[in-house]
PDB file of N, CA and C in Angstrom:
ATOM      1  N   MET A   1       0.848  -1.179   0.000  1.00  0.00           N
ATOM      2  CA  MET A   1       0.000   0.000   0.000  1.00  0.00           C
ATOM      3  C   MET A   1       0.893   1.242   0.000  1.00  0.00           C
ATOM      4  N   PRO A   2       0.775   2.089  -1.036  1.00  0.00           N
ATOM      5  CA  PRO A   2       1.592   3.297  -1.101  1.00  0.00           C
ATOM      6  C   PRO A   2       1.292   4.258   0.045  1.00  0.00           C
ATOM      7  N   LYS A   3       2.306   5.003   0.426  1.00  0.00           N
ATOM      8  CA  LYS A   3       2.159   6.058   1.429  1.00  0.00           C
ATOM      9  C   LYS A   3       2.464   7.385   0.750  1.00  0.00           C
ATOM     10  N   VAL A   4       1.608   8.380   1.010  1.00  0.00           N
ATOM     11  CA  VAL A   4       1.802   9.712   0.446  1.00  0.00           C
ATOM     12  C   VAL A   4       1.959  10.692   1.592  1.00  0.00           C
ATOM     13  N   THR A   5       3.042  11.464   1.558  1.00  0.00           N
ATOM     14  CA  THR A   5       3.274  12.509   2.545  1.00  0.00           C
ATOM     15  C   THR A   5       2.946  13.844   1.906  1.00  0.00           C
ATOM     16  N   PHE A   6       2.111  14.615   2.595  1.00  0.00           N
ATOM     17  CA  PHE A   6       1.704  15.933   2.128  1.00  0.00           C
ATOM     18  C   PHE A   6       2.416  16.994   2.951  1.00  0.00           C
ATOM     19  N   LEU A   7       3.122  17.869   2.273  1.00  0.00           N
ATOM     20  CA  LEU A   7       3.766  19.024   2.893  1.00  0.00           C
ATOM     21  C   LEU A   7       2.955  20.256   2.507  1.00  0.00           C
ATOM     22  N   PRO A   8       2.938  21.328   3.227  1.00  0.00           N
ATOM     23  CA  PRO A   8       3.710  21.591   4.427  1.00  0.00           C
ATOM     24  C   PRO A   8       3.074  21.085   5.714  1.00  0.00           C
ATOM     25  N   ILE A   9       1.975  20.347   5.617  1.00  0.00           N
ATOM     26  CA  ILE A   9       1.313  19.887   6.842  1.00  0.00           C
ATOM     27  C   ILE A   9       1.993  18.649   7.429  1.00  0.00           C
ATOM     28  N   ASN A  10       2.947  18.068   6.698  1.00  0.00           N
ATOM     29  CA  ASN A  10       3.731  16.928   7.157  1.00  0.00           C
ATOM     30  C   ASN A  10       2.844  15.782   7.644  1.00  0.00           C
ATOM     31  N   ARG A  11       1.894  15.403   6.802  1.00  0.00           N
ATOM     32  CA  ARG A  11       0.980  14.312   7.145  1.00  0.00           C
ATOM     33  C   ARG A  11       1.128  13.196   6.121  1.00  0.00           C
ATOM     34  N   THR A  12       1.320  11.973   6.605  1.00  0.00           N
ATOM     35  CA  THR A  12       1.470  10.804   5.748  1.00  0.00           C
ATOM     36  C   THR A  12       0.227   9.936   5.855  1.00  0.00           C
ATOM     37  N   VAL A  13      -0.305   9.525   4.708  1.00  0.00           N
ATOM     38  CA  VAL A  13      -1.516   8.707   4.670  1.00  0.00           C
ATOM     39  C   VAL A  13      -1.308   7.524   3.735  1.00  0.00           C
ATOM     40  N   ASN A  14      -2.074   6.476   3.948  1.00  0.00           N
ATOM     41  CA  ASN A  14      -2.058   5.318   3.057  1.00  0.00           C
ATOM     42  C   ASN A  14      -2.939   5.594   1.852  1.00  0.00           C
ATOM     43  N   ALA A  15      -2.567   4.990   0.731  1.00  0.00           N
ATOM     44  CA  ALA A  15      -3.318   5.180  -0.502  1.00  0.00           C
ATOM     45  C   ALA A  15      -3.463   3.854  -1.220  1.00  0.00           C
ATOM     46  N   GLU A  16      -4.417   3.796  -2.112  1.00  0.00           N
ATOM     47  CA  GLU A  16      -4.566   2.646  -2.996  1.00  0.00           C
ATOM     48  C   GLU A  16      -3.786   2.941  -4.273  1.00  0.00           C
ATOM     49  N   ALA A  17      -3.066   1.967  -4.784  1.00  0.00           N
ATOM     50  CA  ALA A  17      -2.367   2.139  -6.052  1.00  0.00           C
ATOM     51  C   ALA A  17      -3.371   2.521  -7.126  1.00  0.00           C
ATOM     52  N   GLY A  18      -3.036   3.527  -7.927  1.00  0.00           N
ATOM     53  CA  GLY A  18      -3.913   3.984  -8.993  1.00  0.00           C
ATOM     54  C   GLY A  18      -4.796   5.157  -8.618  1.00  0.00           C
ATOM     55  N   GLU A  19      -4.856   5.507  -7.332  1.00  0.00           N
ATOM     56  CA  GLU A  19      -5.624   6.679  -6.908  1.00  0.00           C
ATOM     57  C   GLU A  19      -4.862   7.939  -7.279  1.00  0.00           C
ATOM     58  N   SER A  20      -5.590   9.007  -7.534  1.00  0.00           N
ATOM     59  CA  SER A  20      -4.938  10.290  -7.793  1.00  0.00           C
ATOM     60  C   SER A  20      -4.580  10.960  -6.466  1.00  0.00           C
ATOM     61  N   ILE A  21      -3.626  11.860  -6.527  1.00  0.00           N
ATOM     62  CA  ILE A  21      -3.254  12.636  -5.340  1.00  0.00           C
ATOM     63  C   ILE A  21      -4.484  13.366  -4.802  1.00  0.00           C
ATOM     64  N   LEU A  22      -5.312  13.897  -5.687  1.00  0.00           N
ATOM     65  CA  LEU A  22      -6.518  14.594  -5.247  1.00  0.00           C
ATOM     66  C   LEU A  22      -7.473  13.646  -4.540  1.00  0.00           C
ATOM     67  N   GLU A  23      -7.706  12.469  -5.080  1.00  0.00           N
ATOM     68  CA  GLU A  23      -8.593  11.487  -4.425  1.00  0.00           C
ATOM     69  C   GLU A  23      -8.066  11.127  -3.041  1.00  0.00           C
ATOM     70  N   ILE A  24      -6.768  10.936  -2.950  1.00  0.00           N
ATOM     71  CA  ILE A  24      -6.143  10.586  -1.666  1.00  0.00           C
ATOM     72  C   ILE A  24      -6.352  11.722  -0.675  1.00  0.00           C
ATOM     73  N   ALA A  25      -6.145  12.965  -1.124  1.00  0.00           N
ATOM     74  CA  ALA A  25      -6.330  14.118  -0.248  1.00  0.00           C
ATOM     75  C   ALA A  25      -7.773  14.206   0.243  1.00  0.00           C
ATOM     76  N   ILE A  26      -8.725  14.091  -0.665  1.00  0.00           N
ATOM     77  CA  ILE A  26     -10.140  14.182  -0.290  1.00  0.00           C
ATOM     78  C   ILE A  26     -10.509  13.087   0.702  1.00  0.00           C
ATOM     79  N   ASN A  27     -10.061  11.857   0.448  1.00  0.00           N
ATOM     80  CA  ASN A  27     -10.403  10.724   1.310  1.00  0.00           C
ATOM     81  C   ASN A  27      -9.774  10.808   2.692  1.00  0.00           C
ATOM     82  N   ASN A  28      -8.773  11.672   2.842  1.00  0.00           N
ATOM     83  CA  ASN A  28      -8.071  11.778   4.124  1.00  0.00           C
ATOM     84  C   ASN A  28      -8.138  13.179   4.724  1.00  0.00           C
ATOM     85  N   ASP A  29      -9.093  13.979   4.276  1.00  0.00           N
ATOM     86  CA  ASP A  29      -9.291  15.343   4.790  1.00  0.00           C
ATOM     87  C   ASP A  29      -8.028  16.190   4.732  1.00  0.00           C
ATOM     88  N   ILE A  30      -7.283  16.053   3.633  1.00  0.00           N
ATOM     89  CA  ILE A  30      -6.105  16.885   3.385  1.00  0.00           C
ATOM     90  C   ILE A  30      -6.585  18.128   2.637  1.00  0.00           C
ATOM     91  N   PRO A  31      -6.178  19.329   3.052  1.00  0.00           N
ATOM     92  CA  PRO A  31      -6.710  20.562   2.452  1.00  0.00           C
ATOM     93  C   PRO A  31      -6.101  20.911   1.094  1.00  0.00           C
ATOM     94  N   LEU A  32      -6.379  20.081   0.082  1.00  0.00           N
ATOM     95  CA  LEU A  32      -5.920  20.341  -1.280  1.00  0.00           C
ATOM     96  C   LEU A  32      -7.098  20.889  -2.088  1.00  0.00           C
ATOM     97  N   GLN A  33      -6.962  22.111  -2.580  1.00  0.00           N
ATOM     98  CA  GLN A  33      -8.050  22.737  -3.339  1.00  0.00           C
ATOM     99  C   GLN A  33      -8.317  21.976  -4.630  1.00  0.00           C
ATOM    100  N   HIS A  34      -9.542  22.096  -5.117  1.00  0.00           N
ATOM    101  CA  HIS A  34      -9.937  21.433  -6.365  1.00  0.00           C
ATOM    102  C   HIS A  34     -11.185  22.112  -6.929  1.00  0.00           C
ATOM    103  N   ALA A  35     -11.006  23.343  -7.370  1.00  0.00           N
ATOM    104  CA  ALA A  35     -12.123  24.178  -7.819  1.00  0.00           C
ATOM    105  C   ALA A  35     -12.895  23.573  -8.989  1.00  0.00           C
ATOM    106  N   CYS A  36     -12.222  22.858  -9.881  1.00  0.00           N
ATOM    107  CA  CYS A  36     -12.903  22.318 -11.064  1.00  0.00           C
ATOM    108  C   CYS A  36     -13.438  20.906 -10.828  1.00  0.00           C
ATOM    109  N   GLY A  37     -13.252  20.385  -9.630  1.00  0.00           N
ATOM    110  CA  GLY A  37     -13.754  19.053  -9.329  1.00  0.00           C
ATOM    111  C   GLY A  37     -12.868  17.930  -9.836  1.00  0.00           C
ATOM    112  N   GLY A  38     -11.654  18.251 -10.215  1.00  0.00           N
ATOM    113  CA  GLY A  38     -10.717  17.217 -10.650  1.00  0.00           C
ATOM    114  C   GLY A  38     -10.739  16.917 -12.129  1.00  0.00           C
ATOM    115  N   PHE A  39     -11.125  17.887 -12.958  1.00  0.00           N
ATOM    116  CA  PHE A  39     -11.248  17.656 -14.395  1.00  0.00           C
ATOM    117  C   PHE A  39     -10.162  18.338 -15.228  1.00  0.00           C
ATOM    118  N   CYS A  40      -9.049  18.701 -14.592  1.00  0.00           N
ATOM    119  CA  CYS A  40      -7.910  19.312 -15.295  1.00  0.00           C
ATOM    120  C   CYS A  40      -8.315  20.611 -15.990  1.00  0.00           C
ATOM    121  N   SER A  41      -9.232  21.359 -15.360  1.00  0.00           N
ATOM    122  CA  SER A  41      -9.693  22.614 -15.933  1.00  0.00           C
ATOM    123  C   SER A  41      -9.151  23.835 -15.209  1.00  0.00           C
ATOM    124  N   CYS A  42      -8.461  23.616 -14.101  1.00  0.00           N
ATOM    125  CA  CYS A  42      -7.869  24.714 -13.343  1.00  0.00           C
ATOM    126  C   CYS A  42      -6.519  24.225 -12.802  1.00  0.00           C
ATOM    127  N   THR A  43      -5.919  24.988 -11.942  1.00  0.00           N
ATOM    128  CA  THR A  43      -4.649  24.548 -11.347  1.00  0.00           C
ATOM    129  C   THR A  43      -4.654  24.685  -9.831  1.00  0.00           C
ATOM    130  N   THR A  44      -5.836  24.673  -9.227  1.00  0.00           N
ATOM    131  CA  THR A  44      -5.890  24.830  -7.772  1.00  0.00           C
ATOM    132  C   THR A  44      -5.322  23.615  -7.040  1.00  0.00           C
ATOM    133  N   CYS A  45      -5.234  22.466  -7.702  1.00  0.00           N
ATOM    134  CA  CYS A  45      -4.652  21.269  -7.065  1.00  0.00           C
ATOM    135  C   CYS A  45      -3.170  21.106  -7.424  1.00  0.00           C
ATOM    136  N   HIS A  46      -2.534  22.215  -7.819  1.00  0.00           N
ATOM    137  CA  HIS A  46      -1.113  22.240  -8.180  1.00  0.00           C
ATOM    138  C   HIS A  46      -0.270  21.770  -6.993  1.00  0.00           C
ATOM    139  N   ILE A  47       0.621  20.833  -7.268  1.00  0.00           N
ATOM    140  CA  ILE A  47       1.547  20.314  -6.254  1.00  0.00           C
ATOM    141  C   ILE A  47       2.958  20.311  -6.826  1.00  0.00           C
ATOM    142  N   HIS A  48       3.939  20.253  -5.935  1.00  0.00           N
ATOM    143  CA  HIS A  48       5.330  20.007  -6.318  1.00  0.00           C
ATOM    144  C   HIS A  48       5.700  18.638  -5.764  1.00  0.00           C
ATOM    145  N   VAL A  49       6.227  17.774  -6.604  1.00  0.00           N
ATOM    146  CA  VAL A  49       6.653  16.447  -6.174  1.00  0.00           C
ATOM    147  C   VAL A  49       8.039  16.582  -5.565  1.00  0.00           C
ATOM    148  N   LYS A  50       8.158  16.249  -4.288  1.00  0.00           N
ATOM    149  CA  LYS A  50       9.428  16.371  -3.571  1.00  0.00           C
ATOM    150  C   LYS A  50      10.245  15.088  -3.629  1.00  0.00           C
ATOM    151  N   SER A  51       9.571  13.942  -3.659  1.00  0.00           N
ATOM    152  CA  SER A  51      10.268  12.656  -3.809  1.00  0.00           C
ATOM    153  C   SER A  51       9.282  11.624  -4.327  1.00  0.00           C
ATOM    154  N   GLY A  52       9.827  10.601  -4.977  1.00  0.00           N
ATOM    155  CA  GLY A  52       8.993   9.516  -5.478  1.00  0.00           C
ATOM    156  C   GLY A  52       8.394   9.755  -6.844  1.00  0.00           C
ATOM    157  N   VAL A  53       8.992  10.645  -7.626  1.00  0.00           N
ATOM    158  CA  VAL A  53       8.429  10.938  -8.950  1.00  0.00           C
ATOM    159  C   VAL A  53       8.309   9.680  -9.807  1.00  0.00           C
ATOM    160  N   GLU A  54       9.211   8.737  -9.596  1.00  0.00           N
ATOM    161  CA  GLU A  54       9.171   7.486 -10.361  1.00  0.00           C
ATOM    162  C   GLU A  54       7.995   6.605  -9.953  1.00  0.00           C
ATOM    163  N   GLN A  55       7.342   6.934  -8.855  1.00  0.00           N
ATOM    164  CA  GLN A  55       6.183   6.179  -8.368  1.00  0.00           C
ATOM    165  C   GLN A  55       4.854   6.771  -8.846  1.00  0.00           C
ATOM    166  N   LEU A  56       4.929   7.781  -9.712  1.00  0.00           N
ATOM    167  CA  LEU A  56       3.737   8.488 -10.168  1.00  0.00           C
ATOM    168  C   LEU A  56       3.491   8.255 -11.656  1.00  0.00           C
ATOM    169  N   SER A  57       2.252   8.408 -12.057  1.00  0.00           N
ATOM    170  CA  SER A  57       1.911   8.297 -13.482  1.00  0.00           C
ATOM    171  C   SER A  57       2.647   9.381 -14.264  1.00  0.00           C
ATOM    172  N   LEU A  58       2.845   9.123 -15.539  1.00  0.00           N
ATOM    173  CA  LEU A  58       3.486  10.104 -16.396  1.00  0.00           C
ATOM    174  C   LEU A  58       2.531  11.254 -16.689  1.00  0.00           C
ATOM    175  N   MET A  59       3.091  12.428 -16.890  1.00  0.00           N
ATOM    176  CA  MET A  59       2.275  13.591 -17.201  1.00  0.00           C
ATOM    177  C   MET A  59       1.808  13.514 -18.658  1.00  0.00           C
ATOM    178  N   GLU A  60       0.517  13.724 -18.844  1.00  0.00           N
ATOM    179  CA  GLU A  60      -0.038  13.751 -20.193  1.00  0.00           C
ATOM    180  C   GLU A  60      -0.061  15.192 -20.708  1.00  0.00           C
ATOM    181  N   GLU A  61      -0.248  15.341 -21.998  1.00  0.00           N
ATOM    182  CA  GLU A  61      -0.168  16.649 -22.647  1.00  0.00           C
ATOM    183  C   GLU A  61      -1.154  17.663 -22.067  1.00  0.00           C
ATOM    184  N   MET A  62      -2.397  17.233 -21.791  1.00  0.00           N
ATOM    185  CA  MET A  62      -3.407  18.148 -21.260  1.00  0.00           C
ATOM    186  C   MET A  62      -2.955  18.737 -19.921  1.00  0.00           C
ATOM    187  N   GLU A  63      -2.405  17.901 -19.036  1.00  0.00           N
ATOM    188  CA  GLU A  63      -1.920  18.375 -17.742  1.00  0.00           C
ATOM    189  C   GLU A  63      -0.746  19.332 -17.950  1.00  0.00           C
ATOM    190  N   HIS A  64       0.189  18.956 -18.794  1.00  0.00           N
ATOM    191  CA  HIS A  64       1.353  19.801 -19.064  1.00  0.00           C
ATOM    192  C   HIS A  64       0.916  21.181 -19.558  1.00  0.00           C
ATOM    193  N   ASP A  65       0.006  21.199 -20.521  1.00  0.00           N
ATOM    194  CA  ASP A  65      -0.461  22.461 -21.073  1.00  0.00           C
ATOM    195  C   ASP A  65      -1.151  23.319 -20.023  1.00  0.00           C
ATOM    196  N   ARG A  66      -1.992  22.710 -19.202  1.00  0.00           N
ATOM    197  CA  ARG A  66      -2.719  23.459 -18.170  1.00  0.00           C
ATOM    198  C   ARG A  66      -1.732  24.085 -17.184  1.00  0.00           C
ATOM    199  N   ILE A  67      -0.739  23.336 -16.751  1.00  0.00           N
ATOM    200  CA  ILE A  67       0.261  23.859 -15.819  1.00  0.00           C
ATOM    201  C   ILE A  67       1.009  25.025 -16.447  1.00  0.00           C
ATOM    202  N   GLN A  68       1.479  24.844 -17.677  1.00  0.00           N
ATOM    203  CA  GLN A  68       2.262  25.880 -18.344  1.00  0.00           C
ATOM    204  C   GLN A  68       1.453  27.147 -18.595  1.00  0.00           C
ATOM    205  N   GLU A  69       0.163  26.998 -18.858  1.00  0.00           N
ATOM    206  CA  GLU A  69      -0.680  28.143 -19.192  1.00  0.00           C
ATOM    207  C   GLU A  69      -1.150  28.934 -17.983  1.00  0.00           C
ATOM    208  N   THR A  70      -1.460  28.251 -16.863  1.00  0.00           N
ATOM    209  CA  THR A  70      -2.151  28.971 -15.789  1.00  0.00           C
ATOM    210  C   THR A  70      -1.586  28.811 -14.381  1.00  0.00           C
ATOM    211  N   ALA A  71      -0.696  27.872 -14.139  1.00  0.00           N
ATOM    212  CA  ALA A  71      -0.196  27.672 -12.775  1.00  0.00           C
ATOM    213  C   ALA A  71       0.845  28.720 -12.403  1.00  0.00           C
ATOM    214  N   GLU A  72       0.920  29.013 -11.115  1.00  0.00           N
ATOM    215  CA  GLU A  72       1.940  29.905 -10.572  1.00  0.00           C
ATOM    216  C   GLU A  72       3.035  29.073  -9.922  1.00  0.00           C
ATOM    217  N   LYS A  73       4.233  29.626  -9.860  1.00  0.00           N
ATOM    218  CA  LYS A  73       5.383  28.962  -9.222  1.00  0.00           C
ATOM    219  C   LYS A  73       5.653  27.598  -9.850  1.00  0.00           C
ATOM    220  N   VAL A  74       5.631  27.549 -11.173  1.00  0.00           N
ATOM    221  CA  VAL A  74       5.865  26.306 -11.906  1.00  0.00           C
ATOM    222  C   VAL A  74       7.342  25.924 -11.827  1.00  0.00           C
ATOM    223  N   THR A  75       7.594  24.659 -11.545  1.00  0.00           N
ATOM    224  CA  THR A  75       8.943  24.105 -11.533  1.00  0.00           C
ATOM    225  C   THR A  75       8.898  22.780 -12.303  1.00  0.00           C
ATOM    226  N   PRO A  76      10.047  22.157 -12.565  1.00  0.00           N
ATOM    227  CA  PRO A  76      10.034  20.836 -13.196  1.00  0.00           C
ATOM    228  C   PRO A  76       9.295  19.782 -12.360  1.00  0.00           C
ATOM    229  N   ALA A  77       9.089  20.063 -11.076  1.00  0.00           N
ATOM    230  CA  ALA A  77       8.394  19.136 -10.178  1.00  0.00           C
ATOM    231  C   ALA A  77       6.894  19.398 -10.098  1.00  0.00           C
ATOM    232  N   SER A  78       6.383  20.336 -10.897  1.00  0.00           N
ATOM    233  CA  SER A  78       4.964  20.681 -10.856  1.00  0.00           C
ATOM    234  C   SER A  78       4.104  19.582 -11.463  1.00  0.00           C
ATOM    235  N   ARG A  79       3.004  19.295 -10.785  1.00  0.00           N
ATOM    236  CA  ARG A  79       1.979  18.359 -11.272  1.00  0.00           C
ATOM    237  C   ARG A  79       0.624  18.871 -10.802  1.00  0.00           C
ATOM    238  N   LEU A  80      -0.432  18.317 -11.365  1.00  0.00           N
ATOM    239  CA  LEU A  80      -1.786  18.570 -10.886  1.00  0.00           C
ATOM    240  C   LEU A  80      -2.235  17.342 -10.109  1.00  0.00           C
ATOM    241  N   GLY A  81      -2.703  17.549  -8.894  1.00  0.00           N
ATOM    242  CA  GLY A  81      -3.120  16.442  -8.049  1.00  0.00           C
ATOM    243  C   GLY A  81      -4.226  15.605  -8.665  1.00  0.00           C
ATOM    244  N   CYS A  82      -5.088  16.227  -9.451  1.00  0.00           N
ATOM    245  CA  CYS A  82      -6.206  15.502 -10.054  1.00  0.00           C
ATOM    246  C   CYS A  82      -5.762  14.556 -11.163  1.00  0.00           C
ATOM    247  N   GLN A  83      -4.591  14.796 -11.734  1.00  0.00           N
ATOM    248  CA  GLN A  83      -4.112  13.994 -12.857  1.00  0.00           C
ATOM    249  C   GLN A  83      -2.996  13.028 -12.470  1.00  0.00           C
ATOM    250  N   THR A  84      -2.440  13.186 -11.286  1.00  0.00           N
ATOM    251  CA  THR A  84      -1.278  12.417 -10.861  1.00  0.00           C
ATOM    252  C   THR A  84      -1.707  11.187 -10.075  1.00  0.00           C
ATOM    253  N   LYS A  85      -1.489  10.022 -10.647  1.00  0.00           N
ATOM    254  CA  LYS A  85      -1.858   8.750 -10.008  1.00  0.00           C
ATOM    255  C   LYS A  85      -0.640   8.166  -9.293  1.00  0.00           C
ATOM    256  N   VAL A  86      -0.899   7.553  -8.146  1.00  0.00           N
ATOM    257  CA  VAL A  86       0.155   7.034  -7.279  1.00  0.00           C
ATOM    258  C   VAL A  86       0.297   5.524  -7.455  1.00  0.00           C
ATOM    259  N   ASN A  87       1.543   5.072  -7.581  1.00  0.00           N
ATOM    260  CA  ASN A  87       1.838   3.638  -7.642  1.00  0.00           C
ATOM    261  C   ASN A  87       2.777   3.196  -6.535  1.00  0.00           C
ATOM    262  N   GLY A  88       3.306   4.145  -5.775  1.00  0.00           N
ATOM    263  CA  GLY A  88       4.229   3.846  -4.686  1.00  0.00           C
ATOM    264  C   GLY A  88       4.388   5.068  -3.796  1.00  0.00           C
ATOM    265  N   ASP A  89       5.285   4.978  -2.831  1.00  0.00           N
ATOM    266  CA  ASP A  89       5.481   6.052  -1.863  1.00  0.00           C
ATOM    267  C   ASP A  89       5.981   7.336  -2.529  1.00  0.00           C
ATOM    268  N   CYS A  90       5.460   8.472  -2.056  1.00  0.00           N
ATOM    269  CA  CYS A  90       5.907   9.767  -2.577  1.00  0.00           C
ATOM    270  C   CYS A  90       5.637  10.856  -1.546  1.00  0.00           C
ATOM    271  N   THR A  91       6.273  11.989  -1.777  1.00  0.00           N
ATOM    272  CA  THR A  91       6.066  13.179  -0.962  1.00  0.00           C
ATOM    273  C   THR A  91       5.739  14.328  -1.900  1.00  0.00           C
ATOM    274  N   VAL A  92       4.668  15.054  -1.590  1.00  0.00           N
ATOM    275  CA  VAL A  92       4.243  16.175  -2.420  1.00  0.00           C
ATOM    276  C   VAL A  92       4.003  17.401  -1.545  1.00  0.00           C
ATOM    277  N   GLU A  93       4.239  18.565  -2.131  1.00  0.00           N
ATOM    278  CA  GLU A  93       3.979  19.821  -1.441  1.00  0.00           C
ATOM    279  C   GLU A  93       2.757  20.481  -2.060  1.00  0.00           C
ATOM    280  N   ILE A  94       1.784  20.813  -1.242  1.00  0.00           N
ATOM    281  CA  ILE A  94       0.563  21.484  -1.684  1.00  0.00           C
ATOM    282  C   ILE A  94       0.887  22.951  -1.924  1.00  0.00           C
ATOM    283  N   MET A  95       0.552  23.451  -3.098  1.00  0.00           N
ATOM    284  CA  MET A  95       0.834  24.836  -3.439  1.00  0.00           C
ATOM    285  C   MET A  95      -0.305  25.770  -3.035  1.00  0.00           C
ATOM    286  N   HIS A  96      -1.553  25.288  -3.021  1.00  0.00           N
ATOM    287  CA  HIS A  96      -2.721  26.084  -2.637  1.00  0.00           C
ATOM    288  C   HIS A  96      -3.507  25.299  -1.595  1.00  0.00           C
ATOM    289  N   MET A  97      -3.367  25.680  -0.354  1.00  0.00           N
ATOM    290  CA  MET A  97      -4.062  24.936   0.707  1.00  0.00           C
ATOM    291  C   MET A  97      -5.473  25.481   0.888  1.00  0.00           C
ATOM    292  N   ASP A  98      -6.419  24.574   1.087  1.00  0.00           N
ATOM    293  CA  ASP A  98      -7.818  24.895   1.315  1.00  0.00           C
ATOM    294  C   ASP A  98      -8.058  24.875   2.821  1.00  0.00           C
ATOM    295  N   LEU A  99      -7.930  26.035   3.442  1.00  0.00           N
ATOM    296  CA  LEU A  99      -8.043  26.091   4.909  1.00  0.00           C
ATOM    297  C   LEU A  99      -9.380  26.595   5.361  1.00  0.00           C
TER     298      LEU A  99
END
């Protein structure tokens, strides 16, 4: 069972392989915003992958384009939580916390 650590809240939760970062956050009351409901239409679920990138699904063109067009503080580690599926342990930093 994969473990996902969410920063900056430093909380680690168990996940099912194949779940998205957003699904994992919602199921564990992690404050990850998701204004579009997880349909890759916004960037409120923008995260930075801190470790375990090899344990995540590959970025598809739609996600890449959305990040490049509208996300703030974009880095090579930028992903959208709604599009990023987990296959193993990873650590991600939430860029927009829903408090």
